[in-house]
Structures are given as C-alpha cells and as structure tokens.
Amino acid sequence: MSRITLLGLPHDLAAALIGLLEADSHQVSTASTLEDVRRDDPEVAFVNGDGPEFPHNVSWLVESIPRLPVVVITRLPDSRRWIDALEAGARDYCGAPFERIQLRWILDTACPPAVRRAA
C-alpha cells in the first residue's frame, strides 16, 4: 500500500482514480494546493495536467520534494503536453480514461520499489 495524493484534479477524474487506486489497496488523498501536497507527505503525486499551470506545479514539487515521483494526469493527451510534463520533471504522463492495468504499470515503473503495488 502506498500514499498517493491527487493535486487539483476535477472531481470526476479524482473519483475515477480513487476507485482504481483504492481497489489496489493504495491510500489516496486529494489536495488543492502545492502546500497541501507537502503536508500530506505522499509517496506519489498525481497532478492535473489540463491547465496552463501544470508545468509550474510539477517543477515546484520536483524541486521541493526531490524524492517524490510526479505523474501528470490529463484529459488532453497530446505530444506537446507530454513533453512539457517530462521536461518539468514528471516521471510519467497519463491520459484519461484510466484502466487499472495502466495505473499499475505507471506505479511499477515510475516509482521506487517501496511504492509499487504488492504482487
């Protein structure tokens, strides 16, 4: 089980992620500010990639909490946003809709072993 914080995701996207992640025994919380993420002390952060501020949010998290893997979540999966996310320091980029196997793969490849799902 890992602690995952969702930053700034619209309610419907957050609900979809929470359902899938909790089904794999992850503890999920939501945050509306960058400071909320810091207070949550997550092992992984999923950040909303739909707005223009997402590269700043990713950069801030990566610089403030270097050990924290950041995954950008978006409804706008295009190559420019994907590149912006990775250049800002994100470990991965995931477009909605989500599948359980996709989220497992992201956690297994982008995160340290202690965060990965139990086999």
PDB file of N, CA and C in Angstrom:
ATOM      1  N   MET A   1       0.849  -1.188   0.000  1.00  0.00           N
ATOM      2  CA  MET A   1       0.000   0.000   0.000  1.00  0.00           C
ATOM      3  C   MET A   1       0.885   1.238   0.000  1.00  0.00           C
ATOM      4  N   SER A   2       0.521   2.207  -0.799  1.00  0.00           N
ATOM      5  CA  SER A   2       1.264   3.455  -0.836  1.00  0.00           C
ATOM      6  C   SER A   2       0.318   4.630  -0.629  1.00  0.00           C
ATOM      7  N   ARG A   3       0.931   5.765  -0.270  1.00  0.00           N
ATOM      8  CA  ARG A   3       0.175   7.000  -0.080  1.00  0.00           C
ATOM      9  C   ARG A   3       0.295   7.831  -1.349  1.00  0.00           C
ATOM     10  N   ILE A   4      -0.843   8.106  -1.973  1.00  0.00           N
ATOM     11  CA  ILE A   4      -0.877   8.855  -3.218  1.00  0.00           C
ATOM     12  C   ILE A   4      -1.741  10.095  -3.017  1.00  0.00           C
ATOM     13  N   THR A   5      -1.236  11.246  -3.440  1.00  0.00           N
ATOM     14  CA  THR A   5      -2.009  12.481  -3.365  1.00  0.00           C
ATOM     15  C   THR A   5      -2.333  12.947  -4.781  1.00  0.00           C
ATOM     16  N   LEU A   6      -3.582  13.335  -4.982  1.00  0.00           N
ATOM     17  CA  LEU A   6      -4.052  13.866  -6.251  1.00  0.00           C
ATOM     18  C   LEU A   6      -4.147  15.376  -6.118  1.00  0.00           C
ATOM     19  N   LEU A   7      -3.419  16.111  -6.962  1.00  0.00           N
ATOM     20  CA  LEU A   7      -3.387  17.569  -6.865  1.00  0.00           C
ATOM     21  C   LEU A   7      -4.212  18.213  -7.969  1.00  0.00           C
ATOM     22  N   GLY A   8      -5.264  18.932  -7.566  1.00  0.00           N
ATOM     23  CA  GLY A   8      -6.019  19.778  -8.479  1.00  0.00           C
ATOM     24  C   GLY A   8      -6.846  19.066  -9.530  1.00  0.00           C
ATOM     25  N   LEU A   9      -7.130  17.785  -9.337  1.00  0.00           N
ATOM     26  CA  LEU A   9      -7.913  17.057 -10.334  1.00  0.00           C
ATOM     27  C   LEU A   9      -9.396  17.379 -10.216  1.00  0.00           C
ATOM     28  N   PRO A  10     -10.099  17.529 -11.336  1.00  0.00           N
ATOM     29  CA  PRO A  10     -11.551  17.697 -11.280  1.00  0.00           C
ATOM     30  C   PRO A  10     -12.174  16.496 -10.571  1.00  0.00           C
ATOM     31  N   HIS A  11     -13.306  16.726  -9.959  1.00  0.00           N
ATOM     32  CA  HIS A  11     -13.951  15.708  -9.129  1.00  0.00           C
ATOM     33  C   HIS A  11     -14.132  14.374  -9.858  1.00  0.00           C
ATOM     34  N   ASP A  12     -14.592  14.403 -11.100  1.00  0.00           N
ATOM     35  CA  ASP A  12     -14.852  13.147 -11.804  1.00  0.00           C
ATOM     36  C   ASP A  12     -13.571  12.370 -12.092  1.00  0.00           C
ATOM     37  N   LEU A  13     -12.492  13.064 -12.450  1.00  0.00           N
ATOM     38  CA  LEU A  13     -11.217  12.381 -12.665  1.00  0.00           C
ATOM     39  C   LEU A  13     -10.666  11.832 -11.357  1.00  0.00           C
ATOM     40  N   ALA A  14     -10.764  12.637 -10.301  1.00  0.00           N
ATOM     41  CA  ALA A  14     -10.289  12.179  -8.994  1.00  0.00           C
ATOM     42  C   ALA A  14     -11.069  10.951  -8.541  1.00  0.00           C
ATOM     43  N   ALA A  15     -12.380  10.963  -8.705  1.00  0.00           N
ATOM     44  CA  ALA A  15     -13.202   9.822  -8.288  1.00  0.00           C
ATOM     45  C   ALA A  15     -12.819   8.556  -9.052  1.00  0.00           C
ATOM     46  N   ALA A  16     -12.576   8.689 -10.353  1.00  0.00           N
ATOM     47  CA  ALA A  16     -12.185   7.524 -11.150  1.00  0.00           C
ATOM     48  C   ALA A  16     -10.841   6.968 -10.674  1.00  0.00           C
ATOM     49  N   LEU A  17      -9.888   7.849 -10.429  1.00  0.00           N
ATOM     50  CA  LEU A  17      -8.581   7.401  -9.952  1.00  0.00           C
ATOM     51  C   LEU A  17      -8.657   6.795  -8.561  1.00  0.00           C
ATOM     52  N   ILE A  18      -9.391   7.439  -7.680  1.00  0.00           N
ATOM     53  CA  ILE A  18      -9.517   6.938  -6.312  1.00  0.00           C
ATOM     54  C   ILE A  18     -10.083   5.527  -6.314  1.00  0.00           C
ATOM     55  N   GLY A  19     -11.113   5.296  -7.100  1.00  0.00           N
ATOM     56  CA  GLY A  19     -11.707   3.964  -7.161  1.00  0.00           C
ATOM     57  C   GLY A  19     -10.712   2.905  -7.607  1.00  0.00           C
ATOM     58  N   LEU A  20      -9.966   3.195  -8.648  1.00  0.00           N
ATOM     59  CA  LEU A  20      -8.993   2.229  -9.165  1.00  0.00           C
ATOM     60  C   LEU A  20      -7.817   2.031  -8.213  1.00  0.00           C
ATOM     61  N   LEU A  21      -7.303   3.124  -7.664  1.00  0.00           N
ATOM     62  CA  LEU A  21      -6.147   3.019  -6.777  1.00  0.00           C
ATOM     63  C   LEU A  21      -6.505   2.357  -5.447  1.00  0.00           C
ATOM     64  N   GLU A  22      -7.655   2.700  -4.884  1.00  0.00           N
ATOM     65  CA  GLU A  22      -8.064   2.072  -3.628  1.00  0.00           C
ATOM     66  C   GLU A  22      -8.364   0.592  -3.816  1.00  0.00           C
ATOM     67  N   ALA A  23      -8.816   0.192  -4.998  1.00  0.00           N
ATOM     68  CA  ALA A  23      -9.046  -1.226  -5.280  1.00  0.00           C
ATOM     69  C   ALA A  23      -7.738  -2.014  -5.222  1.00  0.00           C
ATOM     70  N   ASP A  24      -6.614  -1.342  -5.425  1.00  0.00           N
ATOM     71  CA  ASP A  24      -5.300  -1.966  -5.296  1.00  0.00           C
ATOM     72  C   ASP A  24      -4.651  -1.653  -3.950  1.00  0.00           C
ATOM     73  N   SER A  25      -5.462  -1.255  -2.981  1.00  0.00           N
ATOM     74  CA  SER A  25      -5.043  -1.028  -1.591  1.00  0.00           C
ATOM     75  C   SER A  25      -4.137   0.175  -1.374  1.00  0.00           C
ATOM     76  N   HIS A  26      -4.198   1.164  -2.260  1.00  0.00           N
ATOM     77  CA  HIS A  26      -3.436   2.390  -2.051  1.00  0.00           C
ATOM     78  C   HIS A  26      -4.283   3.357  -1.223  1.00  0.00           C
ATOM     79  N   GLN A  27      -3.612   4.155  -0.424  1.00  0.00           N
ATOM     80  CA  GLN A  27      -4.272   5.197   0.363  1.00  0.00           C
ATOM     81  C   GLN A  27      -4.214   6.482  -0.459  1.00  0.00           C
ATOM     82  N   VAL A  28      -5.376   7.044  -0.804  1.00  0.00           N
ATOM     83  CA  VAL A  28      -5.430   8.192  -1.704  1.00  0.00           C
ATOM     84  C   VAL A  28      -6.061   9.390  -0.998  1.00  0.00           C
ATOM     85  N   SER A  29      -5.410  10.555  -1.173  1.00  0.00           N
ATOM     86  CA  SER A  29      -5.979  11.800  -0.659  1.00  0.00           C
ATOM     87  C   SER A  29      -5.980  12.821  -1.791  1.00  0.00           C
ATOM     88  N   THR A  30      -6.750  13.873  -1.611  1.00  0.00           N
ATOM     89  CA  THR A  30      -6.792  14.936  -2.613  1.00  0.00           C
ATOM     90  C   THR A  30      -6.221  16.213  -2.004  1.00  0.00           C
ATOM     91  N   ALA A  31      -5.643  17.039  -2.864  1.00  0.00           N
ATOM     92  CA  ALA A  31      -5.063  18.304  -2.432  1.00  0.00           C
ATOM     93  C   ALA A  31      -5.455  19.375  -3.443  1.00  0.00           C
ATOM     94  N   SER A  32      -5.628  20.584  -2.939  1.00  0.00           N
ATOM     95  CA  SER A  32      -5.964  21.674  -3.848  1.00  0.00           C
ATOM     96  C   SER A  32      -4.801  22.654  -4.013  1.00  0.00           C
ATOM     97  N   THR A  33      -3.783  22.555  -3.148  1.00  0.00           N
ATOM     98  CA  THR A  33      -2.617  23.436  -3.269  1.00  0.00           C
ATOM     99  C   THR A  33      -1.329  22.625  -3.169  1.00  0.00           C
ATOM    100  N   LEU A  34      -0.245  23.222  -3.617  1.00  0.00           N
ATOM    101  CA  LEU A  34       1.058  22.576  -3.527  1.00  0.00           C
ATOM    102  C   LEU A  34       1.455  22.335  -2.075  1.00  0.00           C
ATOM    103  N   GLU A  35       1.139  23.275  -1.203  1.00  0.00           N
ATOM    104  CA  GLU A  35       1.452  23.097   0.223  1.00  0.00           C
ATOM    105  C   GLU A  35       0.666  21.932   0.828  1.00  0.00           C
ATOM    106  N   ASP A  36      -0.568  21.721   0.345  1.00  0.00           N
ATOM    107  CA  ASP A  36      -1.341  20.567   0.820  1.00  0.00           C
ATOM    108  C   ASP A  36      -0.619  19.263   0.489  1.00  0.00           C
ATOM    109  N   VAL A  37      -0.005  19.206  -0.682  1.00  0.00           N
ATOM    110  CA  VAL A  37       0.739  18.003  -1.061  1.00  0.00           C
ATOM    111  C   VAL A  37       1.896  17.792  -0.089  1.00  0.00           C
ATOM    112  N   ARG A  38       2.625  18.839   0.209  1.00  0.00           N
ATOM    113  CA  ARG A  38       3.756  18.741   1.144  1.00  0.00           C
ATOM    114  C   ARG A  38       3.279  18.225   2.503  1.00  0.00           C
ATOM    115  N   ARG A  39       2.159  18.743   2.982  1.00  0.00           N
ATOM    116  CA  ARG A  39       1.625  18.316   4.293  1.00  0.00           C
ATOM    117  C   ARG A  39       1.178  16.851   4.274  1.00  0.00           C
ATOM    118  N   ASP A  40       0.649  16.396   3.141  1.00  0.00           N
ATOM    119  CA  ASP A  40       0.192  15.002   3.028  1.00  0.00           C
ATOM    120  C   ASP A  40       1.353  14.014   3.091  1.00  0.00           C
ATOM    121  N   ASP A  41       2.551  14.458   2.722  1.00  0.00           N
ATOM    122  CA  ASP A  41       3.737  13.607   2.678  1.00  0.00           C
ATOM    123  C   ASP A  41       3.479  12.318   1.891  1.00  0.00           C
ATOM    124  N   PRO A  42       3.056  12.458   0.624  1.00  0.00           N
ATOM    125  CA  PRO A  42       2.754  11.263  -0.168  1.00  0.00           C
ATOM    126  C   PRO A  42       4.013  10.571  -0.676  1.00  0.00           C
ATOM    127  N   GLU A  43       3.823   9.358  -1.146  1.00  0.00           N
ATOM    128  CA  GLU A  43       4.902   8.622  -1.806  1.00  0.00           C
ATOM    129  C   GLU A  43       4.848   8.831  -3.314  1.00  0.00           C
ATOM    130  N   VAL A  44       3.699   9.296  -3.813  1.00  0.00           N
ATOM    131  CA  VAL A  44       3.490   9.609  -5.227  1.00  0.00           C
ATOM    132  C   VAL A  44       2.483  10.752  -5.314  1.00  0.00           C
ATOM    133  N   ALA A  45       2.677  11.659  -6.274  1.00  0.00           N
ATOM    134  CA  ALA A  45       1.697  12.719  -6.528  1.00  0.00           C
ATOM    135  C   ALA A  45       1.220  12.609  -7.966  1.00  0.00           C
ATOM    136  N   PHE A  46      -0.094  12.648  -8.142  1.00  0.00           N
ATOM    137  CA  PHE A  46      -0.710  12.720  -9.463  1.00  0.00           C
ATOM    138  C   PHE A  46      -1.208  14.152  -9.607  1.00  0.00           C
ATOM    139  N   VAL A  47      -0.736  14.856 -10.638  1.00  0.00           N
ATOM    140  CA  VAL A  47      -1.006  16.281 -10.812  1.00  0.00           C
ATOM    141  C   VAL A  47      -1.874  16.510 -12.045  1.00  0.00           C
ATOM    142  N   ASN A  48      -2.850  17.399 -11.919  1.00  0.00           N
ATOM    143  CA  ASN A  48      -3.710  17.760 -13.047  1.00  0.00           C
ATOM    144  C   ASN A  48      -2.880  18.416 -14.144  1.00  0.00           C
ATOM    145  N   GLY A  49      -2.976  17.871 -15.357  1.00  0.00           N
ATOM    146  CA  GLY A  49      -2.236  18.410 -16.480  1.00  0.00           C
ATOM    147  C   GLY A  49      -3.089  19.169 -17.473  1.00  0.00           C
ATOM    148  N   ASP A  50      -4.328  19.477 -17.115  1.00  0.00           N
ATOM    149  CA  ASP A  50      -5.231  20.136 -18.057  1.00  0.00           C
ATOM    150  C   ASP A  50      -5.066  21.650 -18.116  1.00  0.00           C
ATOM    151  N   GLY A  51      -4.557  22.264 -17.077  1.00  0.00           N
ATOM    152  CA  GLY A  51      -4.441  23.717 -17.054  1.00  0.00           C
ATOM    153  C   GLY A  51      -3.050  24.191 -17.426  1.00  0.00           C
ATOM    154  N   PRO A  52      -2.911  25.468 -17.690  1.00  0.00           N
ATOM    155  CA  PRO A  52      -1.609  26.012 -18.099  1.00  0.00           C
ATOM    156  C   PRO A  52      -0.572  26.019 -16.976  1.00  0.00           C
ATOM    157  N   GLU A  53      -1.010  25.858 -15.728  1.00  0.00           N
ATOM    158  CA  GLU A  53      -0.093  25.936 -14.587  1.00  0.00           C
ATOM    159  C   GLU A  53       0.598  24.609 -14.279  1.00  0.00           C
ATOM    160  N   PHE A  54       0.240  23.534 -14.978  1.00  0.00           N
ATOM    161  CA  PHE A  54       0.764  22.238 -14.579  1.00  0.00           C
ATOM    162  C   PHE A  54       2.292  22.133 -14.657  1.00  0.00           C
ATOM    163  N   PRO A  55       2.989  22.720 -15.645  1.00  0.00           N
ATOM    164  CA  PRO A  55       4.454  22.598 -15.618  1.00  0.00           C
ATOM    165  C   PRO A  55       5.065  23.245 -14.367  1.00  0.00           C
ATOM    166  N   HIS A  56       4.493  24.385 -13.960  1.00  0.00           N
ATOM    167  CA  HIS A  56       4.964  25.042 -12.736  1.00  0.00           C
ATOM    168  C   HIS A  56       4.734  24.138 -11.526  1.00  0.00           C
ATOM    169  N   ASN A  57       3.545  23.534 -11.428  1.00  0.00           N
ATOM    170  CA  ASN A  57       3.239  22.660 -10.295  1.00  0.00           C
ATOM    171  C   ASN A  57       4.183  21.466 -10.249  1.00  0.00           C
ATOM    172  N   VAL A  58       4.444  20.867 -11.393  1.00  0.00           N
ATOM    173  CA  VAL A  58       5.362  19.724 -11.444  1.00  0.00           C
ATOM    174  C   VAL A  58       6.760  20.160 -11.021  1.00  0.00           C
ATOM    175  N   SER A  59       7.256  21.248 -11.584  1.00  0.00           N
ATOM    176  CA  SER A  59       8.602  21.742 -11.243  1.00  0.00           C
ATOM    177  C   SER A  59       8.723  22.046  -9.757  1.00  0.00           C
ATOM    178  N   TRP A  60       7.706  22.698  -9.202  1.00  0.00           N
ATOM    179  CA  TRP A  60       7.736  23.058  -7.786  1.00  0.00           C
ATOM    180  C   TRP A  60       7.816  21.798  -6.923  1.00  0.00           C
ATOM    181  N   LEU A  61       6.997  20.800  -7.237  1.00  0.00           N
ATOM    182  CA  LEU A  61       7.011  19.564  -6.455  1.00  0.00           C
ATOM    183  C   LEU A  61       8.341  18.848  -6.570  1.00  0.00           C
ATOM    184  N   VAL A  62       8.871  18.749  -7.782  1.00  0.00           N
ATOM    185  CA  VAL A  62      10.140  18.046  -8.001  1.00  0.00           C
ATOM    186  C   VAL A  62      11.282  18.755  -7.265  1.00  0.00           C
ATOM    187  N   GLU A  63      11.277  20.083  -7.266  1.00  0.00           N
ATOM    188  CA  GLU A  63      12.329  20.833  -6.577  1.00  0.00           C
ATOM    189  C   GLU A  63      12.139  20.819  -5.064  1.00  0.00           C
ATOM    190  N   SER A  64      10.902  20.873  -4.602  1.00  0.00           N
ATOM    191  CA  SER A  64      10.618  20.935  -3.165  1.00  0.00           C
ATOM    192  C   SER A  64      10.707  19.580  -2.481  1.00  0.00           C
ATOM    193  N   ILE A  65      10.318  18.534  -3.203  1.00  0.00           N
ATOM    194  CA  ILE A  65      10.306  17.179  -2.637  1.00  0.00           C
ATOM    195  C   ILE A  65      10.980  16.260  -3.660  1.00  0.00           C
ATOM    196  N   PRO A  66      12.304  16.295  -3.742  1.00  0.00           N
ATOM    197  CA  PRO A  66      13.015  15.575  -4.803  1.00  0.00           C
ATOM    198  C   PRO A  66      12.738  14.072  -4.872  1.00  0.00           C
ATOM    199  N   ARG A  67      12.426  13.450  -3.769  1.00  0.00           N
ATOM    200  CA  ARG A  67      12.170  12.003  -3.757  1.00  0.00           C
ATOM    201  C   ARG A  67      10.783  11.646  -4.297  1.00  0.00           C
ATOM    202  N   LEU A  68       9.932  12.658  -4.510  1.00  0.00           N
ATOM    203  CA  LEU A  68       8.535  12.423  -4.859  1.00  0.00           C
ATOM    204  C   LEU A  68       8.350  12.188  -6.363  1.00  0.00           C
ATOM    205  N   PRO A  69       7.900  10.992  -6.759  1.00  0.00           N
ATOM    206  CA  PRO A  69       7.555  10.780  -8.161  1.00  0.00           C
ATOM    207  C   PRO A  69       6.258  11.536  -8.486  1.00  0.00           C
ATOM    208  N   VAL A  70       6.272  12.291  -9.582  1.00  0.00           N
ATOM    209  CA  VAL A  70       5.108  13.065 -10.007  1.00  0.00           C
ATOM    210  C   VAL A  70       4.619  12.505 -11.339  1.00  0.00           C
ATOM    211  N   VAL A  71       3.319  12.239 -11.408  1.00  0.00           N
ATOM    212  CA  VAL A  71       2.685  11.748 -12.623  1.00  0.00           C
ATOM    213  C   VAL A  71       1.639  12.778 -13.035  1.00  0.00           C
ATOM    214  N   VAL A  72       1.685  13.220 -14.279  1.00  0.00           N
ATOM    215  CA  VAL A  72       0.713  14.190 -14.785  1.00  0.00           C
ATOM    216  C   VAL A  72      -0.485  13.427 -15.345  1.00  0.00           C
ATOM    217  N   ILE A  73      -1.672  13.836 -14.914  1.00  0.00           N
ATOM    218  CA  ILE A  73      -2.937  13.234 -15.336  1.00  0.00           C
ATOM    219  C   ILE A  73      -3.688  14.268 -16.172  1.00  0.00           C
ATOM    220  N   THR A  74      -4.209  13.851 -17.328  1.00  0.00           N
ATOM    221  CA  THR A  74      -4.845  14.822 -18.209  1.00  0.00           C
ATOM    222  C   THR A  74      -5.971  14.217 -19.034  1.00  0.00           C
ATOM    223  N   ARG A  75      -6.831  15.084 -19.488  1.00  0.00           N
ATOM    224  CA  ARG A  75      -7.840  14.722 -20.495  1.00  0.00           C
ATOM    225  C   ARG A  75      -7.382  15.164 -21.872  1.00  0.00           C
ATOM    226  N   LEU A  76      -6.249  15.822 -21.932  1.00  0.00           N
ATOM    227  CA  LEU A  76      -5.741  16.400 -23.169  1.00  0.00           C
ATOM    228  C   LEU A  76      -4.439  15.717 -23.573  1.00  0.00           C
ATOM    229  N   PRO A  77      -4.504  14.449 -23.924  1.00  0.00           N
ATOM    230  CA  PRO A  77      -3.260  13.737 -24.229  1.00  0.00           C
ATOM    231  C   PRO A  77      -2.708  14.107 -25.605  1.00  0.00           C
ATOM    232  N   ASP A  78      -1.794  15.062 -25.620  1.00  0.00           N
ATOM    233  CA  ASP A  78      -1.131  15.390 -26.876  1.00  0.00           C
ATOM    234  C   ASP A  78       0.371  15.430 -26.632  1.00  0.00           C
ATOM    235  N   SER A  79       1.140  15.319 -27.675  1.00  0.00           N
ATOM    236  CA  SER A  79       2.589  15.172 -27.526  1.00  0.00           C
ATOM    237  C   SER A  79       3.246  16.399 -26.907  1.00  0.00           C
ATOM    238  N   ARG A  80       2.763  17.599 -27.187  1.00  0.00           N
ATOM    239  CA  ARG A  80       3.380  18.798 -26.599  1.00  0.00           C
ATOM    240  C   ARG A  80       3.219  18.805 -25.082  1.00  0.00           C
ATOM    241  N   ARG A  81       2.036  18.460 -24.582  1.00  0.00           N
ATOM    242  CA  ARG A  81       1.818  18.419 -23.130  1.00  0.00           C
ATOM    243  C   ARG A  81       2.668  17.329 -22.486  1.00  0.00           C
ATOM    244  N   TRP A  82       2.761  16.191 -23.160  1.00  0.00           N
ATOM    245  CA  TRP A  82       3.574  15.092 -22.646  1.00  0.00           C
ATOM    246  C   TRP A  82       5.030  15.542 -22.513  1.00  0.00           C
ATOM    247  N   ILE A  83       5.549  16.205 -23.536  1.00  0.00           N
ATOM    248  CA  ILE A  83       6.924  16.703 -23.493  1.00  0.00           C
ATOM    249  C   ILE A  83       7.076  17.753 -22.396  1.00  0.00           C
ATOM    250  N   ASP A  84       6.116  18.679 -22.291  1.00  0.00           N
ATOM    251  CA  ASP A  84       6.160  19.696 -21.226  1.00  0.00           C
ATOM    252  C   ASP A  84       6.199  19.047 -19.847  1.00  0.00           C
ATOM    253  N   ALA A  85       5.405  18.010 -19.655  1.00  0.00           N
ATOM    254  CA  ALA A  85       5.366  17.317 -18.361  1.00  0.00           C
ATOM    255  C   ALA A  85       6.714  16.694 -18.041  1.00  0.00           C
ATOM    256  N   LEU A  86       7.297  15.993 -18.984  1.00  0.00           N
ATOM    257  CA  LEU A  86       8.586  15.342 -18.746  1.00  0.00           C
ATOM    258  C   LEU A  86       9.702  16.361 -18.559  1.00  0.00           C
ATOM    259  N   GLU A  87       9.669  17.440 -19.341  1.00  0.00           N
ATOM    260  CA  GLU A  87      10.686  18.482 -19.175  1.00  0.00           C
ATOM    261  C   GLU A  87      10.580  19.180 -17.820  1.00  0.00           C
ATOM    262  N   ALA A  88       9.379  19.247 -17.273  1.00  0.00           N
ATOM    263  CA  ALA A  88       9.183  19.861 -15.955  1.00  0.00           C
ATOM    264  C   ALA A  88       9.621  18.929 -14.824  1.00  0.00           C
ATOM    265  N   GLY A  89       9.842  17.647 -15.151  1.00  0.00           N
ATOM    266  CA  GLY A  89      10.319  16.712 -14.136  1.00  0.00           C
ATOM    267  C   GLY A  89       9.386  15.577 -13.796  1.00  0.00           C
ATOM    268  N   ALA A  90       8.255  15.485 -14.479  1.00  0.00           N
ATOM    269  CA  ALA A  90       7.319  14.387 -14.197  1.00  0.00           C
ATOM    270  C   ALA A  90       7.957  13.054 -14.573  1.00  0.00           C
ATOM    271  N   ARG A  91       7.596  12.015 -13.829  1.00  0.00           N
ATOM    272  CA  ARG A  91       8.083  10.669 -14.140  1.00  0.00           C
ATOM    273  C   ARG A  91       7.261  10.024 -15.244  1.00  0.00           C
ATOM    274  N   ASP A  92       5.974  10.423 -15.348  1.00  0.00           N
ATOM    275  CA  ASP A  92       5.116   9.835 -16.365  1.00  0.00           C
ATOM    276  C   ASP A  92       3.958  10.780 -16.650  1.00  0.00           C
ATOM    277  N   TYR A  93       3.190  10.424 -17.664  1.00  0.00           N
ATOM    278  CA  TYR A  93       2.078  11.232 -18.160  1.00  0.00           C
ATOM    279  C   TYR A  93       0.971  10.254 -18.533  1.00  0.00           C
ATOM    280  N   CYS A  94      -0.239  10.486 -18.048  1.00  0.00           N
ATOM    281  CA  CYS A  94      -1.321   9.524 -18.242  1.00  0.00           C
ATOM    282  C   CYS A  94      -2.592  10.253 -18.680  1.00  0.00           C
ATOM    283  N   GLY A  95      -3.152   9.825 -19.795  1.00  0.00           N
ATOM    284  CA  GLY A  95      -4.389  10.410 -20.294  1.00  0.00           C
ATOM    285  C   GLY A  95      -5.607   9.612 -19.872  1.00  0.00           C
ATOM    286  N   ALA A  96      -6.687  10.318 -19.555  1.00  0.00           N
ATOM    287  CA  ALA A  96      -7.958   9.671 -19.211  1.00  0.00           C
ATOM    288  C   ALA A  96      -8.611   9.180 -20.487  1.00  0.00           C
ATOM    289  N   PRO A  97      -9.428   8.175 -20.441  1.00  0.00           N
ATOM    290  CA  PRO A  97      -9.862   7.389 -19.277  1.00  0.00           C
ATOM    291  C   PRO A  97      -8.757   6.426 -18.828  1.00  0.00           C
ATOM    292  N   PHE A  98      -8.873   5.985 -17.585  1.00  0.00           N
ATOM    293  CA  PHE A  98      -7.843   5.163 -16.966  1.00  0.00           C
ATOM    294  C   PHE A  98      -8.266   3.708 -16.905  1.00  0.00           C
ATOM    295  N   GLU A  99      -7.276   2.869 -16.956  1.00  0.00           N
ATOM    296  CA  GLU A  99      -7.500   1.442 -16.746  1.00  0.00           C
ATOM    297  C   GLU A  99      -6.614   1.006 -15.597  1.00  0.00           C
ATOM    298  N   ARG A 100      -7.092   0.054 -14.839  1.00  0.00           N
ATOM    299  CA  ARG A 100      -6.365  -0.431 -13.666  1.00  0.00           C
ATOM    300  C   ARG A 100      -4.965  -0.908 -14.036  1.00  0.00           C
ATOM    301  N   ILE A 101      -4.827  -1.650 -15.113  1.00  0.00           N
ATOM    302  CA  ILE A 101      -3.524  -2.162 -15.522  1.00  0.00           C
ATOM    303  C   ILE A 101      -2.572  -1.023 -15.890  1.00  0.00           C
ATOM    304  N   GLN A 102      -3.105   0.037 -16.468  1.00  0.00           N
ATOM    305  CA  GLN A 102      -2.299   1.205 -16.826  1.00  0.00           C
ATOM    306  C   GLN A 102      -1.736   1.873 -15.572  1.00  0.00           C
ATOM    307  N   LEU A 103      -2.571   2.048 -14.562  1.00  0.00           N
ATOM    308  CA  LEU A 103      -2.116   2.671 -13.321  1.00  0.00           C
ATOM    309  C   LEU A 103      -1.110   1.783 -12.600  1.00  0.00           C
ATOM    310  N   ARG A 104      -1.318   0.480 -12.632  1.00  0.00           N
ATOM    311  CA  ARG A 104      -0.346  -0.435 -12.032  1.00  0.00           C
ATOM    312  C   ARG A 104       1.002  -0.298 -12.715  1.00  0.00           C
ATOM    313  N   TRP A 105       0.982  -0.232 -14.042  1.00  0.00           N
ATOM    314  CA  TRP A 105       2.219  -0.109 -14.792  1.00  0.00           C
ATOM    315  C   TRP A 105       2.935   1.187 -14.432  1.00  0.00           C
ATOM    316  N   ILE A 106       2.193   2.278 -14.369  1.00  0.00           N
ATOM    317  CA  ILE A 106       2.797   3.564 -14.014  1.00  0.00           C
ATOM    318  C   ILE A 106       3.452   3.489 -12.645  1.00  0.00           C
ATOM    319  N   LEU A 107       2.750   2.943 -11.671  1.00  0.00           N
ATOM    320  CA  LEU A 107       3.319   2.837 -10.331  1.00  0.00           C
ATOM    321  C   LEU A 107       4.516   1.896 -10.309  1.00  0.00           C
ATOM    322  N   ASP A 108       4.462   0.832 -11.074  1.00  0.00           N
ATOM    323  CA  ASP A 108       5.563  -0.136 -11.101  1.00  0.00           C
ATOM    324  C   ASP A 108       6.809   0.413 -11.792  1.00  0.00           C
ATOM    325  N   THR A 109       6.660   1.302 -12.743  1.00  0.00           N
ATOM    326  CA  THR A 109       7.819   1.792 -13.487  1.00  0.00           C
ATOM    327  C   THR A 109       8.308   3.170 -13.048  1.00  0.00           C
ATOM    328  N   ALA A 110       7.421   4.002 -12.571  1.00  0.00           N
ATOM    329  CA  ALA A 110       7.805   5.376 -12.253  1.00  0.00           C
ATOM    330  C   ALA A 110       8.182   5.576 -10.794  1.00  0.00           C
ATOM    331  N   CYS A 111       7.900   4.602  -9.956  1.00  0.00           N
ATOM    332  CA  CYS A 111       8.041   4.800  -8.528  1.00  0.00           C
ATOM    333  C   CYS A 111       9.071   3.862  -7.918  1.00  0.00           C
ATOM    334  N   PRO A 112       9.625   4.242  -6.768  1.00  0.00           N
ATOM    335  CA  PRO A 112      10.566   3.372  -6.080  1.00  0.00           C
ATOM    336  C   PRO A 112       9.875   2.080  -5.632  1.00  0.00           C
ATOM    337  N   PRO A 113      10.660   1.021  -5.415  1.00  0.00           N
ATOM    338  CA  PRO A 113      10.069  -0.284  -5.056  1.00  0.00           C
ATOM    339  C   PRO A 113       9.113  -0.238  -3.865  1.00  0.00           C
ATOM    340  N   ALA A 114       9.371   0.615  -2.868  1.00  0.00           N
ATOM    341  CA  ALA A 114       8.506   0.661  -1.694  1.00  0.00           C
ATOM    342  C   ALA A 114       7.102   1.146  -2.025  1.00  0.00           C
ATOM    343  N   VAL A 115       6.942   1.840  -3.140  1.00  0.00           N
ATOM    344  CA  VAL A 115       5.644   2.404  -3.522  1.00  0.00           C
ATOM    345  C   VAL A 115       4.865   1.449  -4.409  1.00  0.00           C
ATOM    346  N   ARG A 116       5.541   0.560  -5.056  1.00  0.00           N
ATOM    347  CA  ARG A 116       4.899  -0.319  -6.021  1.00  0.00           C
ATOM    348  C   ARG A 116       3.858  -1.205  -5.354  1.00  0.00           C
ATOM    349  N   ARG A 117       2.896  -1.624  -6.146  1.00  0.00           N
ATOM    350  CA  ARG A 117       1.823  -2.461  -5.607  1.00  0.00           C
ATOM    351  C   ARG A 117       2.371  -3.795  -5.148  1.00  0.00           C
ATOM    352  N   ALA A 118       1.717  -4.369  -4.183  1.00  0.00           N
ATOM    353  CA  ALA A 118       2.102  -5.701  -3.725  1.00  0.00           C
ATOM    354  C   ALA A 118       1.661  -6.725  -4.757  1.00  0.00           C
ATOM    355  N   ALA A 119       2.546  -7.639  -5.071  1.00  0.00           N
ATOM    356  CA  ALA A 119       2.223  -8.665  -6.084  1.00  0.00           C
ATOM    357  C   ALA A 119       1.415  -9.781  -5.469  1.00  0.00           C
TER     358      ALA A 119
END
